[in-house]
PDB file of all heavy atoms in Angstrom:
ATOM      1  N   ASN A   1      -2.047   1.527   2.815  1.00  0.00           N
ATOM      2  CA  ASN A   1      -1.531   0.249   3.303  1.00  0.00           C
ATOM      3  C   ASN A   1      -2.502  -0.894   3.056  1.00  0.00           C
ATOM      4  O   ASN A   1      -2.095  -2.010   2.705  1.00  0.00           O
ATOM      5  CB  ASN A   1      -1.230   0.344   4.794  1.00  0.00           C
ATOM      6  CG  ASN A   1       0.101   1.008   5.084  1.00  0.00           C
ATOM      7  OD1 ASN A   1       0.638   1.716   4.243  1.00  0.00           O
ATOM      8  ND2 ASN A   1       0.629   0.799   6.275  1.00  0.00           N
ATOM      9  N   ALA A   2      -3.795  -0.643   3.278  1.00  0.00           N
ATOM     10  CA  ALA A   2      -4.783  -1.707   3.095  1.00  0.00           C
ATOM     11  C   ALA A   2      -4.765  -2.230   1.666  1.00  0.00           C
ATOM     12  O   ALA A   2      -4.767  -3.440   1.430  1.00  0.00           O
ATOM     13  CB  ALA A   2      -6.169  -1.200   3.462  1.00  0.00           C
ATOM     14  N   SER A   3      -4.733  -1.319   0.708  1.00  0.00           N
ATOM     15  CA  SER A   3      -4.731  -1.743  -0.690  1.00  0.00           C
ATOM     16  C   SER A   3      -3.416  -2.397  -1.077  1.00  0.00           C
ATOM     17  O   SER A   3      -3.389  -3.398  -1.806  1.00  0.00           O
ATOM     18  CB  SER A   3      -5.028  -0.548  -1.604  1.00  0.00           C
ATOM     19  OG  SER A   3      -6.353  -0.105  -1.439  1.00  0.00           O
ATOM     20  N   MET A   4      -2.293  -1.863  -0.592  1.00  0.00           N
ATOM     21  CA  MET A   4      -0.989  -2.451  -0.917  1.00  0.00           C
ATOM     22  C   MET A   4      -0.876  -3.865  -0.358  1.00  0.00           C
ATOM     23  O   MET A   4      -0.441  -4.798  -1.049  1.00  0.00           O
ATOM     24  CB  MET A   4       0.124  -1.568  -0.347  1.00  0.00           C
ATOM     25  CG  MET A   4       0.240  -0.203  -0.994  1.00  0.00           C
ATOM     26  SD  MET A   4       1.084  -0.202  -2.593  1.00  0.00           S
ATOM     27  CE  MET A   4       2.786  -0.356  -2.061  1.00  0.00           C
ATOM     28  N   MET A   5      -1.269  -4.053   0.907  1.00  0.00           N
ATOM     29  CA  MET A   5      -1.167  -5.380   1.518  1.00  0.00           C
ATOM     30  C   MET A   5      -2.161  -6.353   0.905  1.00  0.00           C
ATOM     31  O   MET A   5      -1.855  -7.535   0.722  1.00  0.00           O
ATOM     32  CB  MET A   5      -1.357  -5.282   3.028  1.00  0.00           C
ATOM     33  CG  MET A   5      -0.146  -4.725   3.758  1.00  0.00           C
ATOM     34  SD  MET A   5      -0.324  -4.796   5.567  1.00  0.00           S
ATOM     35  CE  MET A   5      -0.520  -3.068   5.933  1.00  0.00           C
ATOM     36  N   ALA A   6      -3.355  -5.864   0.594  1.00  0.00           N
ATOM     37  CA  ALA A   6      -4.349  -6.739  -0.029  1.00  0.00           C
ATOM     38  C   ALA A   6      -3.887  -7.191  -1.411  1.00  0.00           C
ATOM     39  O   ALA A   6      -4.010  -8.372  -1.764  1.00  0.00           O
ATOM     40  CB  ALA A   6      -5.694  -6.021  -0.130  1.00  0.00           C
ATOM     41  N   LEU A   7      -3.325  -6.270  -2.189  1.00  0.00           N
ATOM     42  CA  LEU A   7      -2.870  -6.633  -3.523  1.00  0.00           C
ATOM     43  C   LEU A   7      -1.698  -7.616  -3.463  1.00  0.00           C
ATOM     44  O   LEU A   7      -1.633  -8.578  -4.238  1.00  0.00           O
ATOM     45  CB  LEU A   7      -2.454  -5.374  -4.291  1.00  0.00           C
ATOM     46  CG  LEU A   7      -2.081  -5.576  -5.760  1.00  0.00           C
ATOM     47  CD1 LEU A   7      -3.227  -6.212  -6.542  1.00  0.00           C
ATOM     48  CD2 LEU A   7      -1.680  -4.249  -6.398  1.00  0.00           C
ATOM     49  N   ALA A   8      -0.785  -7.414  -2.511  1.00  0.00           N
ATOM     50  CA  ALA A   8       0.367  -8.306  -2.373  1.00  0.00           C
ATOM     51  C   ALA A   8       0.028  -9.598  -1.634  1.00  0.00           C
ATOM     52  O   ALA A   8       0.771 -10.575  -1.703  1.00  0.00           O
ATOM     53  CB  ALA A   8       1.489  -7.590  -1.638  1.00  0.00           C
ATOM     54  N   ARG A   9      -1.107  -9.591  -0.898  1.00  0.00           N
ATOM     55  CA  ARG A   9      -1.484 -10.742  -0.042  1.00  0.00           C
ATOM     56  C   ARG A   9      -0.404 -11.010   1.002  1.00  0.00           C
ATOM     57  O   ARG A   9      -0.136 -12.147   1.373  1.00  0.00           O
ATOM     58  CB  ARG A   9      -1.713 -12.014  -0.851  1.00  0.00           C
ATOM     59  CG  ARG A   9      -3.090 -12.188  -1.467  1.00  0.00           C
ATOM     60  CD  ARG A   9      -3.301 -11.273  -2.623  1.00  0.00           C
ATOM     61  NE  ARG A   9      -4.469 -11.688  -3.426  1.00  0.00           N
ATOM     62  CZ  ARG A   9      -4.946 -10.959  -4.421  1.00  0.00           C
ATOM     63  NH1 ARG A   9      -4.377  -9.796  -4.744  1.00  0.00           N
ATOM     64  NH2 ARG A   9      -5.993 -11.385  -5.110  1.00  0.00           N
ATOM     65  N   LEU A  10       0.225  -9.939   1.498  1.00  0.00           N
ATOM     66  CA  LEU A  10       1.328 -10.087   2.441  1.00  0.00           C
ATOM     67  C   LEU A  10       1.235  -9.035   3.538  1.00  0.00           C
ATOM     68  O   LEU A  10       0.754  -7.913   3.282  1.00  0.00           O
ATOM     69  CB  LEU A  10       2.679  -9.934   1.727  1.00  0.00           C
ATOM     70  CG  LEU A  10       3.090 -11.056   0.772  1.00  0.00           C
ATOM     71  CD1 LEU A  10       4.308 -10.617  -0.029  1.00  0.00           C
ATOM     72  CD2 LEU A  10       3.378 -12.342   1.540  1.00  0.00           C
ATOM     73  N   PRO A  11       1.719  -9.338   4.747  1.00  0.00           N
ATOM     74  CA  PRO A  11       1.750  -8.349   5.823  1.00  0.00           C
ATOM     75  C   PRO A  11       2.833  -7.307   5.581  1.00  0.00           C
ATOM     76  O   PRO A  11       3.680  -7.440   4.684  1.00  0.00           O
ATOM     77  CB  PRO A  11       2.041  -9.194   7.068  1.00  0.00           C
ATOM     78  CG  PRO A  11       2.776 -10.384   6.556  1.00  0.00           C
ATOM     79  CD  PRO A  11       2.201 -10.664   5.192  1.00  0.00           C
ATOM     80  N   ILE A  12       2.826  -6.272   6.431  1.00  0.00           N
ATOM     81  CA  ILE A  12       3.679  -5.108   6.217  1.00  0.00           C
ATOM     82  C   ILE A  12       5.164  -5.455   6.201  1.00  0.00           C
ATOM     83  O   ILE A  12       5.942  -4.853   5.458  1.00  0.00           O
ATOM     84  CB  ILE A  12       3.378  -4.027   7.280  1.00  0.00           C
ATOM     85  CG1 ILE A  12       4.070  -2.712   6.929  1.00  0.00           C
ATOM     86  CG2 ILE A  12       3.767  -4.503   8.679  1.00  0.00           C
ATOM     87  CD1 ILE A  12       3.556  -2.065   5.669  1.00  0.00           C
ATOM     88  N   GLY A  13       5.590  -6.434   6.976  1.00  0.00           N
ATOM     89  CA  GLY A  13       7.012  -6.751   7.065  1.00  0.00           C
ATOM     90  C   GLY A  13       7.628  -7.210   5.760  1.00  0.00           C
ATOM     91  O   GLY A  13       8.836  -7.056   5.551  1.00  0.00           O
ATOM     92  N   HIS A  14       6.817  -7.768   4.868  1.00  0.00           N
ATOM     93  CA  HIS A  14       7.327  -8.227   3.570  1.00  0.00           C
ATOM     94  C   HIS A  14       7.395  -7.099   2.551  1.00  0.00           C
ATOM     95  O   HIS A  14       7.948  -7.300   1.461  1.00  0.00           O
ATOM     96  CB  HIS A  14       6.427  -9.343   3.021  1.00  0.00           C
ATOM     97  CG  HIS A  14       6.546 -10.634   3.762  1.00  0.00           C
ATOM     98  ND1 HIS A  14       7.404 -11.639   3.379  1.00  0.00           N
ATOM     99  CD2 HIS A  14       5.913 -11.086   4.864  1.00  0.00           C
ATOM    100  CE1 HIS A  14       7.292 -12.667   4.209  1.00  0.00           C
ATOM    101  NE2 HIS A  14       6.394 -12.350   5.126  1.00  0.00           N
ATOM    102  N   LEU A  15       6.851  -5.932   2.886  1.00  0.00           N
ATOM    103  CA  LEU A  15       6.714  -4.869   1.891  1.00  0.00           C
ATOM    104  C   LEU A  15       7.478  -3.599   2.236  1.00  0.00           C
ATOM    105  O   LEU A  15       8.034  -2.957   1.345  1.00  0.00           O
ATOM    106  CB  LEU A  15       5.225  -4.507   1.721  1.00  0.00           C
ATOM    107  CG  LEU A  15       4.261  -5.662   1.429  1.00  0.00           C
ATOM    108  CD1 LEU A  15       2.819  -5.138   1.388  1.00  0.00           C
ATOM    109  CD2 LEU A  15       4.609  -6.355   0.114  1.00  0.00           C
ATOM    110  N   ARG A  16       7.531  -3.244   3.519  1.00  0.00           N
ATOM    111  CA  ARG A  16       7.991  -1.901   3.893  1.00  0.00           C
ATOM    112  C   ARG A  16       9.449  -1.632   3.577  1.00  0.00           C
ATOM    113  O   ARG A  16       9.832  -0.471   3.363  1.00  0.00           O
ATOM    114  CB  ARG A  16       7.720  -1.658   5.380  1.00  0.00           C
ATOM    115  CG  ARG A  16       8.473  -2.597   6.315  1.00  0.00           C
ATOM    116  CD  ARG A  16       8.029  -2.400   7.758  1.00  0.00           C
ATOM    117  NE  ARG A  16       8.642  -3.411   8.634  1.00  0.00           N
ATOM    118  CZ  ARG A  16       8.232  -3.642   9.872  1.00  0.00           C
ATOM    119  NH1 ARG A  16       7.238  -2.945  10.386  1.00  0.00           N
ATOM    120  NH2 ARG A  16       8.823  -4.565  10.604  1.00  0.00           N
ATOM    121  N   ASP A  17      10.297  -2.649   3.558  1.00  0.00           N
ATOM    122  CA  ASP A  17      11.725  -2.440   3.332  1.00  0.00           C
ATOM    123  C   ASP A  17      12.187  -2.819   1.928  1.00  0.00           C
ATOM    124  O   ASP A  17      13.382  -2.768   1.633  1.00  0.00           O
ATOM    125  CB  ASP A  17      12.535  -3.242   4.361  1.00  0.00           C
ATOM    126  CG  ASP A  17      12.270  -2.799   5.791  1.00  0.00           C
ATOM    127  OD1 ASP A  17      12.096  -1.583   5.997  1.00  0.00           O
ATOM    128  OD2 ASP A  17      12.214  -3.661   6.692  1.00  0.00           O
ATOM    129  N   ASP A  18      11.254  -3.185   1.077  1.00  0.00           N
ATOM    130  CA  ASP A  18      11.618  -3.565  -0.287  1.00  0.00           C
ATOM    131  C   ASP A  18      11.821  -2.292  -1.116  1.00  0.00           C
ATOM    132  O   ASP A  18      10.890  -1.503  -1.289  1.00  0.00           O
ATOM    133  CB  ASP A  18      10.500  -4.420  -0.899  1.00  0.00           C
ATOM    134  CG  ASP A  18      10.888  -5.018  -2.238  1.00  0.00           C
ATOM    135  OD1 ASP A  18      11.475  -4.288  -3.061  1.00  0.00           O
ATOM    136  OD2 ASP A  18      10.597  -6.210  -2.465  1.00  0.00           O
ATOM    137  N   PRO A  19      13.022  -2.061  -1.631  1.00  0.00           N
ATOM    138  CA  PRO A  19      13.293  -0.812  -2.355  1.00  0.00           C
ATOM    139  C   PRO A  19      12.474  -0.653  -3.632  1.00  0.00           C
ATOM    140  O   PRO A  19      12.293   0.472  -4.113  1.00  0.00           O
ATOM    141  CB  PRO A  19      14.794  -0.906  -2.670  1.00  0.00           C
ATOM    142  CG  PRO A  19      15.111  -2.371  -2.624  1.00  0.00           C
ATOM    143  CD  PRO A  19      14.207  -2.938  -1.572  1.00  0.00           C
ATOM    144  N   ASP A  20      11.969  -1.768  -4.173  1.00  0.00           N
ATOM    145  CA  ASP A  20      11.142  -1.668  -5.368  1.00  0.00           C
ATOM    146  C   ASP A  20       9.688  -1.291  -5.035  1.00  0.00           C
ATOM    147  O   ASP A  20       8.970  -0.763  -5.877  1.00  0.00           O
ATOM    148  CB  ASP A  20      11.139  -2.996  -6.136  1.00  0.00           C
ATOM    149  CG  ASP A  20      12.496  -3.330  -6.716  1.00  0.00           C
ATOM    150  OD1 ASP A  20      13.172  -2.394  -7.209  1.00  0.00           O
ATOM    151  OD2 ASP A  20      12.896  -4.511  -6.678  1.00  0.00           O
ATOM    152  N   ILE A  21       9.280  -1.568  -3.798  1.00  0.00           N
ATOM    153  CA  ILE A  21       7.903  -1.298  -3.386  1.00  0.00           C
ATOM    154  C   ILE A  21       7.773   0.041  -2.678  1.00  0.00           C
ATOM    155  O   ILE A  21       6.759   0.735  -2.802  1.00  0.00           O
ATOM    156  CB  ILE A  21       7.393  -2.434  -2.474  1.00  0.00           C
ATOM    157  CG1 ILE A  21       7.359  -3.751  -3.249  1.00  0.00           C
ATOM    158  CG2 ILE A  21       6.020  -2.116  -1.891  1.00  0.00           C
ATOM    159  CD1 ILE A  21       7.003  -4.958  -2.398  1.00  0.00           C
ATOM    160  N   ALA A  22       8.801   0.450  -1.938  1.00  0.00           N
ATOM    161  CA  ALA A  22       8.747   1.662  -1.117  1.00  0.00           C
ATOM    162  C   ALA A  22       8.241   2.900  -1.865  1.00  0.00           C
ATOM    163  O   ALA A  22       7.432   3.664  -1.319  1.00  0.00           O
ATOM    164  CB  ALA A  22      10.119   1.931  -0.495  1.00  0.00           C
ATOM    165  N   PRO A  23       8.672   3.152  -3.103  1.00  0.00           N
ATOM    166  CA  PRO A  23       8.187   4.361  -3.791  1.00  0.00           C
ATOM    167  C   PRO A  23       6.671   4.376  -3.996  1.00  0.00           C
ATOM    168  O   PRO A  23       6.065   5.455  -4.048  1.00  0.00           O
ATOM    169  CB  PRO A  23       8.923   4.318  -5.133  1.00  0.00           C
ATOM    170  CG  PRO A  23      10.125   3.476  -4.894  1.00  0.00           C
ATOM    171  CD  PRO A  23       9.695   2.451  -3.901  1.00  0.00           C
ATOM    172  N   TYR A  24       6.060   3.201  -4.089  1.00  0.00           N
ATOM    173  CA  TYR A  24       4.612   3.150  -4.300  1.00  0.00           C
ATOM    174  C   TYR A  24       3.858   3.487  -3.012  1.00  0.00           C
ATOM    175  O   TYR A  24       2.771   4.084  -3.066  1.00  0.00           O
ATOM    176  CB  TYR A  24       4.205   1.783  -4.845  1.00  0.00           C
ATOM    177  CG  TYR A  24       4.766   1.544  -6.221  1.00  0.00           C
ATOM    178  CD1 TYR A  24       5.920   0.786  -6.406  1.00  0.00           C
ATOM    179  CD2 TYR A  24       4.176   2.121  -7.348  1.00  0.00           C
ATOM    180  CE1 TYR A  24       6.464   0.594  -7.670  1.00  0.00           C
ATOM    181  CE2 TYR A  24       4.705   1.938  -8.614  1.00  0.00           C
ATOM    182  CZ  TYR A  24       5.850   1.174  -8.763  1.00  0.00           C
ATOM    183  OH  TYR A  24       6.393   0.991 -10.020  1.00  0.00           O
ATOM    184  N   PHE A  25       4.403   3.109  -1.854  1.00  0.00           N
ATOM    185  CA  PHE A  25       3.819   3.557  -0.589  1.00  0.00           C
ATOM    186  C   PHE A  25       3.822   5.077  -0.537  1.00  0.00           C
ATOM    187  O   PHE A  25       2.808   5.713  -0.231  1.00  0.00           O
ATOM    188  CB  PHE A  25       4.622   3.008   0.603  1.00  0.00           C
ATOM    189  CG  PHE A  25       4.239   1.626   1.036  1.00  0.00           C
ATOM    190  CD1 PHE A  25       5.089   0.548   0.802  1.00  0.00           C
ATOM    191  CD2 PHE A  25       3.042   1.392   1.694  1.00  0.00           C
ATOM    192  CE1 PHE A  25       4.755  -0.733   1.217  1.00  0.00           C
ATOM    193  CE2 PHE A  25       2.693   0.111   2.115  1.00  0.00           C
ATOM    194  CZ  PHE A  25       3.554  -0.945   1.875  1.00  0.00           C
ATOM    195  N   ILE A  26       4.974   5.671  -0.834  1.00  0.00           N
ATOM    196  CA  ILE A  26       5.108   7.129  -0.750  1.00  0.00           C
ATOM    197  C   ILE A  26       4.157   7.813  -1.729  1.00  0.00           C
ATOM    198  O   ILE A  26       3.483   8.798  -1.389  1.00  0.00           O
ATOM    199  CB  ILE A  26       6.565   7.550  -0.997  1.00  0.00           C
ATOM    200  CG1 ILE A  26       7.455   7.025   0.135  1.00  0.00           C
ATOM    201  CG2 ILE A  26       6.683   9.071  -1.112  1.00  0.00           C
ATOM    202  CD1 ILE A  26       8.945   7.197  -0.110  1.00  0.00           C
ATOM    203  N   ALA A  27       4.080   7.301  -2.960  1.00  0.00           N
ATOM    204  CA  ALA A  27       3.185   7.892  -3.950  1.00  0.00           C
ATOM    205  C   ALA A  27       1.728   7.803  -3.507  1.00  0.00           C
ATOM    206  O   ALA A  27       0.956   8.759  -3.657  1.00  0.00           O
ATOM    207  CB  ALA A  27       3.370   7.189  -5.298  1.00  0.00           C
ATOM    208  N   ALA A  28       1.352   6.659  -2.944  1.00  0.00           N
ATOM    209  CA  ALA A  28      -0.027   6.483  -2.479  1.00  0.00           C
ATOM    210  C   ALA A  28      -0.337   7.436  -1.333  1.00  0.00           C
ATOM    211  O   ALA A  28      -1.412   8.048  -1.287  1.00  0.00           O
ATOM    212  CB  ALA A  28      -0.254   5.038  -2.048  1.00  0.00           C
ATOM    213  N   TYR A  29       0.601   7.568  -0.381  1.00  0.00           N
ATOM    214  CA  TYR A  29       0.398   8.491   0.738  1.00  0.00           C
ATOM    215  C   TYR A  29       0.231   9.926   0.224  1.00  0.00           C
ATOM    216  O   TYR A  29      -0.653  10.657   0.671  1.00  0.00           O
ATOM    217  CB  TYR A  29       1.577   8.449   1.712  1.00  0.00           C
ATOM    218  CG  TYR A  29       1.826   7.126   2.392  1.00  0.00           C
ATOM    219  CD1 TYR A  29       3.099   6.772   2.831  1.00  0.00           C
ATOM    220  CD2 TYR A  29       0.791   6.219   2.601  1.00  0.00           C
ATOM    221  CE1 TYR A  29       3.338   5.570   3.465  1.00  0.00           C
ATOM    222  CE2 TYR A  29       1.031   5.005   3.227  1.00  0.00           C
ATOM    223  CZ  TYR A  29       2.301   4.682   3.653  1.00  0.00           C
ATOM    224  OH  TYR A  29       2.537   3.479   4.276  1.00  0.00           O
ATOM    225  N   GLN A  30       1.090  10.319  -0.698  1.00  0.00           N
ATOM    226  CA  GLN A  30       1.049  11.702  -1.188  1.00  0.00           C
ATOM    227  C   GLN A  30      -0.261  12.003  -1.910  1.00  0.00           C
ATOM    228  O   GLN A  30      -0.793  13.120  -1.792  1.00  0.00           O
ATOM    229  CB  GLN A  30       2.239  11.974  -2.103  1.00  0.00           C
ATOM    230  CG  GLN A  30       2.410  13.451  -2.448  1.00  0.00           C
ATOM    231  CD  GLN A  30       2.682  14.308  -1.224  1.00  0.00           C
ATOM    232  OE1 GLN A  30       3.613  14.059  -0.464  1.00  0.00           O
ATOM    233  NE2 GLN A  30       1.860  15.344  -1.010  1.00  0.00           N
ATOM    234  N   GLU A  31      -0.794  11.030  -2.622  1.00  0.00           N
ATOM    235  CA  GLU A  31      -2.080  11.251  -3.294  1.00  0.00           C
ATOM    236  C   GLU A  31      -3.188  11.527  -2.292  1.00  0.00           C
ATOM    237  O   GLU A  31      -4.022  12.419  -2.496  1.00  0.00           O
ATOM    238  CB  GLU A  31      -2.430  10.034  -4.160  1.00  0.00           C
ATOM    239  CG  GLU A  31      -1.569   9.919  -5.406  1.00  0.00           C
ATOM    240  CD  GLU A  31      -1.825   8.643  -6.203  1.00  0.00           C
ATOM    241  OE1 GLU A  31      -2.831   7.947  -5.924  1.00  0.00           O
ATOM    242  OE2 GLU A  31      -1.019   8.348  -7.094  1.00  0.00           O
ATOM    243  N   VAL A  32      -3.212  10.770  -1.197  1.00  0.00           N
ATOM    244  CA  VAL A  32      -4.244  10.994  -0.176  1.00  0.00           C
ATOM    245  C   VAL A  32      -4.049  12.374   0.468  1.00  0.00           C
ATOM    246  O   VAL A  32      -5.021  13.096   0.704  1.00  0.00           O
ATOM    247  CB  VAL A  32      -4.219   9.894   0.895  1.00  0.00           C
ATOM    248  CG1 VAL A  32      -5.369  10.111   1.887  1.00  0.00           C
ATOM    249  CG2 VAL A  32      -4.337   8.512   0.271  1.00  0.00           C
ATOM    250  N   ILE A  33      -2.819  12.745   0.735  1.00  0.00           N
ATOM    251  CA  ILE A  33      -2.525  14.065   1.310  1.00  0.00           C
ATOM    252  C   ILE A  33      -3.010  15.170   0.383  1.00  0.00           C
ATOM    253  O   ILE A  33      -3.665  16.131   0.814  1.00  0.00           O
ATOM    254  CB  ILE A  33      -1.015  14.204   1.583  1.00  0.00           C
ATOM    255  CG1 ILE A  33      -0.597  13.267   2.719  1.00  0.00           C
ATOM    256  CG2 ILE A  33      -0.643  15.647   1.916  1.00  0.00           C
ATOM    257  CD1 ILE A  33       0.909  13.091   2.854  1.00  0.00           C
ATOM    258  N   ASP A  34      -2.720  15.040  -0.903  1.00  0.00           N
ATOM    259  CA  ASP A  34      -3.128  16.063  -1.874  1.00  0.00           C
ATOM    260  C   ASP A  34      -4.649  16.173  -1.942  1.00  0.00           C
ATOM    261  O   ASP A  34      -5.198  17.290  -2.002  1.00  0.00           O
ATOM    262  CB  ASP A  34      -2.568  15.731  -3.254  1.00  0.00           C
ATOM    263  CG  ASP A  34      -1.047  15.851  -3.322  1.00  0.00           C
ATOM    264  OD1 ASP A  34      -0.457  16.469  -2.410  1.00  0.00           O
ATOM    265  OD2 ASP A  34      -0.455  15.292  -4.267  1.00  0.00           O
ATOM    266  N   VAL A  35      -5.321  15.035  -1.913  1.00  0.00           N
ATOM    267  CA  VAL A  35      -6.787  15.038  -1.949  1.00  0.00           C
ATOM    268  C   VAL A  35      -7.344  15.653  -0.667  1.00  0.00           C
ATOM    269  O   VAL A  35      -8.306  16.429  -0.698  1.00  0.00           O
ATOM    270  CB  VAL A  35      -7.315  13.601  -2.154  1.00  0.00           C
ATOM    271  CG1 VAL A  35      -8.805  13.524  -1.872  1.00  0.00           C
ATOM    272  CG2 VAL A  35      -7.035  13.132  -3.578  1.00  0.00           C
ATOM    273  N   GLY A  36      -6.756  15.313   0.468  1.00  0.00           N
ATOM    274  CA  GLY A  36      -7.210  15.867   1.734  1.00  0.00           C
ATOM    275  C   GLY A  36      -7.075  17.376   1.778  1.00  0.00           C
ATOM    276  O   GLY A  36      -8.003  18.088   2.190  1.00  0.00           O
ATOM    277  N   ARG A  37      -5.933  17.875   1.373  1.00  0.00           N
ATOM    278  CA  ARG A  37      -5.734  19.333   1.372  1.00  0.00           C
ATOM    279  C   ARG A  37      -6.692  20.019   0.408  1.00  0.00           C
ATOM    280  O   ARG A  37      -7.228  21.090   0.710  1.00  0.00           O
ATOM    281  CB  ARG A  37      -4.277  19.644   1.032  1.00  0.00           C
ATOM    282  CG  ARG A  37      -3.329  19.291   2.180  1.00  0.00           C
ATOM    283  CD  ARG A  37      -1.876  19.531   1.839  1.00  0.00           C
ATOM    284  NE  ARG A  37      -1.012  19.242   2.999  1.00  0.00           N
ATOM    285  CZ  ARG A  37       0.247  18.844   2.906  1.00  0.00           C
ATOM    286  NH1 ARG A  37       0.813  18.689   1.703  1.00  0.00           N
ATOM    287  NH2 ARG A  37       0.950  18.601   4.005  1.00  0.00           N
ATOM    288  N   ALA A  38      -6.932  19.404  -0.733  1.00  0.00           N
ATOM    289  CA  ALA A  38      -7.902  19.964  -1.676  1.00  0.00           C
ATOM    290  C   ALA A  38      -9.316  19.951  -1.109  1.00  0.00           C
ATOM    291  O   ALA A  38     -10.161  20.763  -1.510  1.00  0.00           O
ATOM    292  CB  ALA A  38      -7.861  19.183  -2.991  1.00  0.00           C
ATOM    293  N   SER A  39      -9.558  19.050  -0.142  1.00  0.00           N
ATOM    294  CA  SER A  39     -10.870  18.971   0.507  1.00  0.00           C
ATOM    295  C   SER A  39     -10.990  19.927   1.688  1.00  0.00           C
ATOM    296  O   SER A  39     -12.017  19.934   2.374  1.00  0.00           O
ATOM    297  CB  SER A  39     -11.116  17.537   0.993  1.00  0.00           C
ATOM    298  OG  SER A  39     -11.071  16.612  -0.082  1.00  0.00           O
ATOM    299  N   GLY A  40      -9.928  20.689   1.952  1.00  0.00           N
ATOM    300  CA  GLY A  40      -9.965  21.678   3.024  1.00  0.00           C
ATOM    301  C   GLY A  40      -9.488  21.180   4.371  1.00  0.00           C
ATOM    302  O   GLY A  40      -9.703  21.837   5.393  1.00  0.00           O
ATOM    303  N   ILE A  41      -8.821  20.015   4.404  1.00  0.00           N
ATOM    304  CA  ILE A  41      -8.345  19.446   5.663  1.00  0.00           C
ATOM    305  C   ILE A  41      -6.929  19.938   5.947  1.00  0.00           C
ATOM    306  O   ILE A  41      -6.066  19.945   5.051  1.00  0.00           O
ATOM    307  CB  ILE A  41      -8.359  17.903   5.611  1.00  0.00           C
ATOM    308  CG1 ILE A  41      -9.751  17.392   5.223  1.00  0.00           C
ATOM    309  CG2 ILE A  41      -7.912  17.325   6.941  1.00  0.00           C
ATOM    310  CD1 ILE A  41     -10.857  17.764   6.194  1.00  0.00           C
ATOM    311  N   ALA A  42      -6.679  20.350   7.195  1.00  0.00           N
ATOM    312  CA  ALA A  42      -5.341  20.778   7.605  1.00  0.00           C
ATOM    313  C   ALA A  42      -4.489  19.544   7.885  1.00  0.00           C
ATOM    314  O   ALA A  42      -4.677  18.863   8.892  1.00  0.00           O
ATOM    315  CB  ALA A  42      -5.430  21.652   8.856  1.00  0.00           C
ATOM    316  N   ILE A  43      -3.593  19.239   6.975  1.00  0.00           N
ATOM    317  CA  ILE A  43      -2.731  18.066   7.099  1.00  0.00           C
ATOM    318  C   ILE A  43      -1.296  18.531   7.330  1.00  0.00           C
ATOM    319  O   ILE A  43      -0.787  19.378   6.587  1.00  0.00           O
ATOM    320  CB  ILE A  43      -2.825  17.178   5.839  1.00  0.00           C
ATOM    321  CG1 ILE A  43      -4.252  16.612   5.723  1.00  0.00           C
ATOM    322  CG2 ILE A  43      -1.806  16.050   5.882  1.00  0.00           C
ATOM    323  CD1 ILE A  43      -4.502  15.786   4.490  1.00  0.00           C
ATOM    324  N   PRO A  44      -0.618  18.018   8.354  1.00  0.00           N
ATOM    325  CA  PRO A  44       0.737  18.483   8.685  1.00  0.00           C
ATOM    326  C   PRO A  44       1.720  18.318   7.531  1.00  0.00           C
ATOM    327  O   PRO A  44       1.584  17.404   6.696  1.00  0.00           O
ATOM    328  CB  PRO A  44       1.134  17.583   9.862  1.00  0.00           C
ATOM    329  CG  PRO A  44      -0.154  17.094  10.435  1.00  0.00           C
ATOM    330  CD  PRO A  44      -1.106  16.996   9.279  1.00  0.00           C
ATOM    331  N   ALA A  45       2.713  19.181   7.495  1.00  0.00           N
ATOM    332  CA  ALA A  45       3.712  19.148   6.424  1.00  0.00           C
ATOM    333  C   ALA A  45       4.527  17.869   6.441  1.00  0.00           C
ATOM    334  O   ALA A  45       5.034  17.435   5.397  1.00  0.00           O
ATOM    335  CB  ALA A  45       4.636  20.364   6.551  1.00  0.00           C
TER     336      ALA A  45
END
C-alpha cells in the first residue's frame, strides 16, 4: 500500500475500487506472501 499510494500520490479511497488498479494490489500482496513463506514465516492461507 505504501508504494502504491506513494506512486499514485493519492490516498486509498482513490485506488482501492478502481478495476484497473485492483489487480496490482493483489499481485503486490501475493509477492510479499510468497517471500514471507520462503523465509519460513507461517502466513495464513
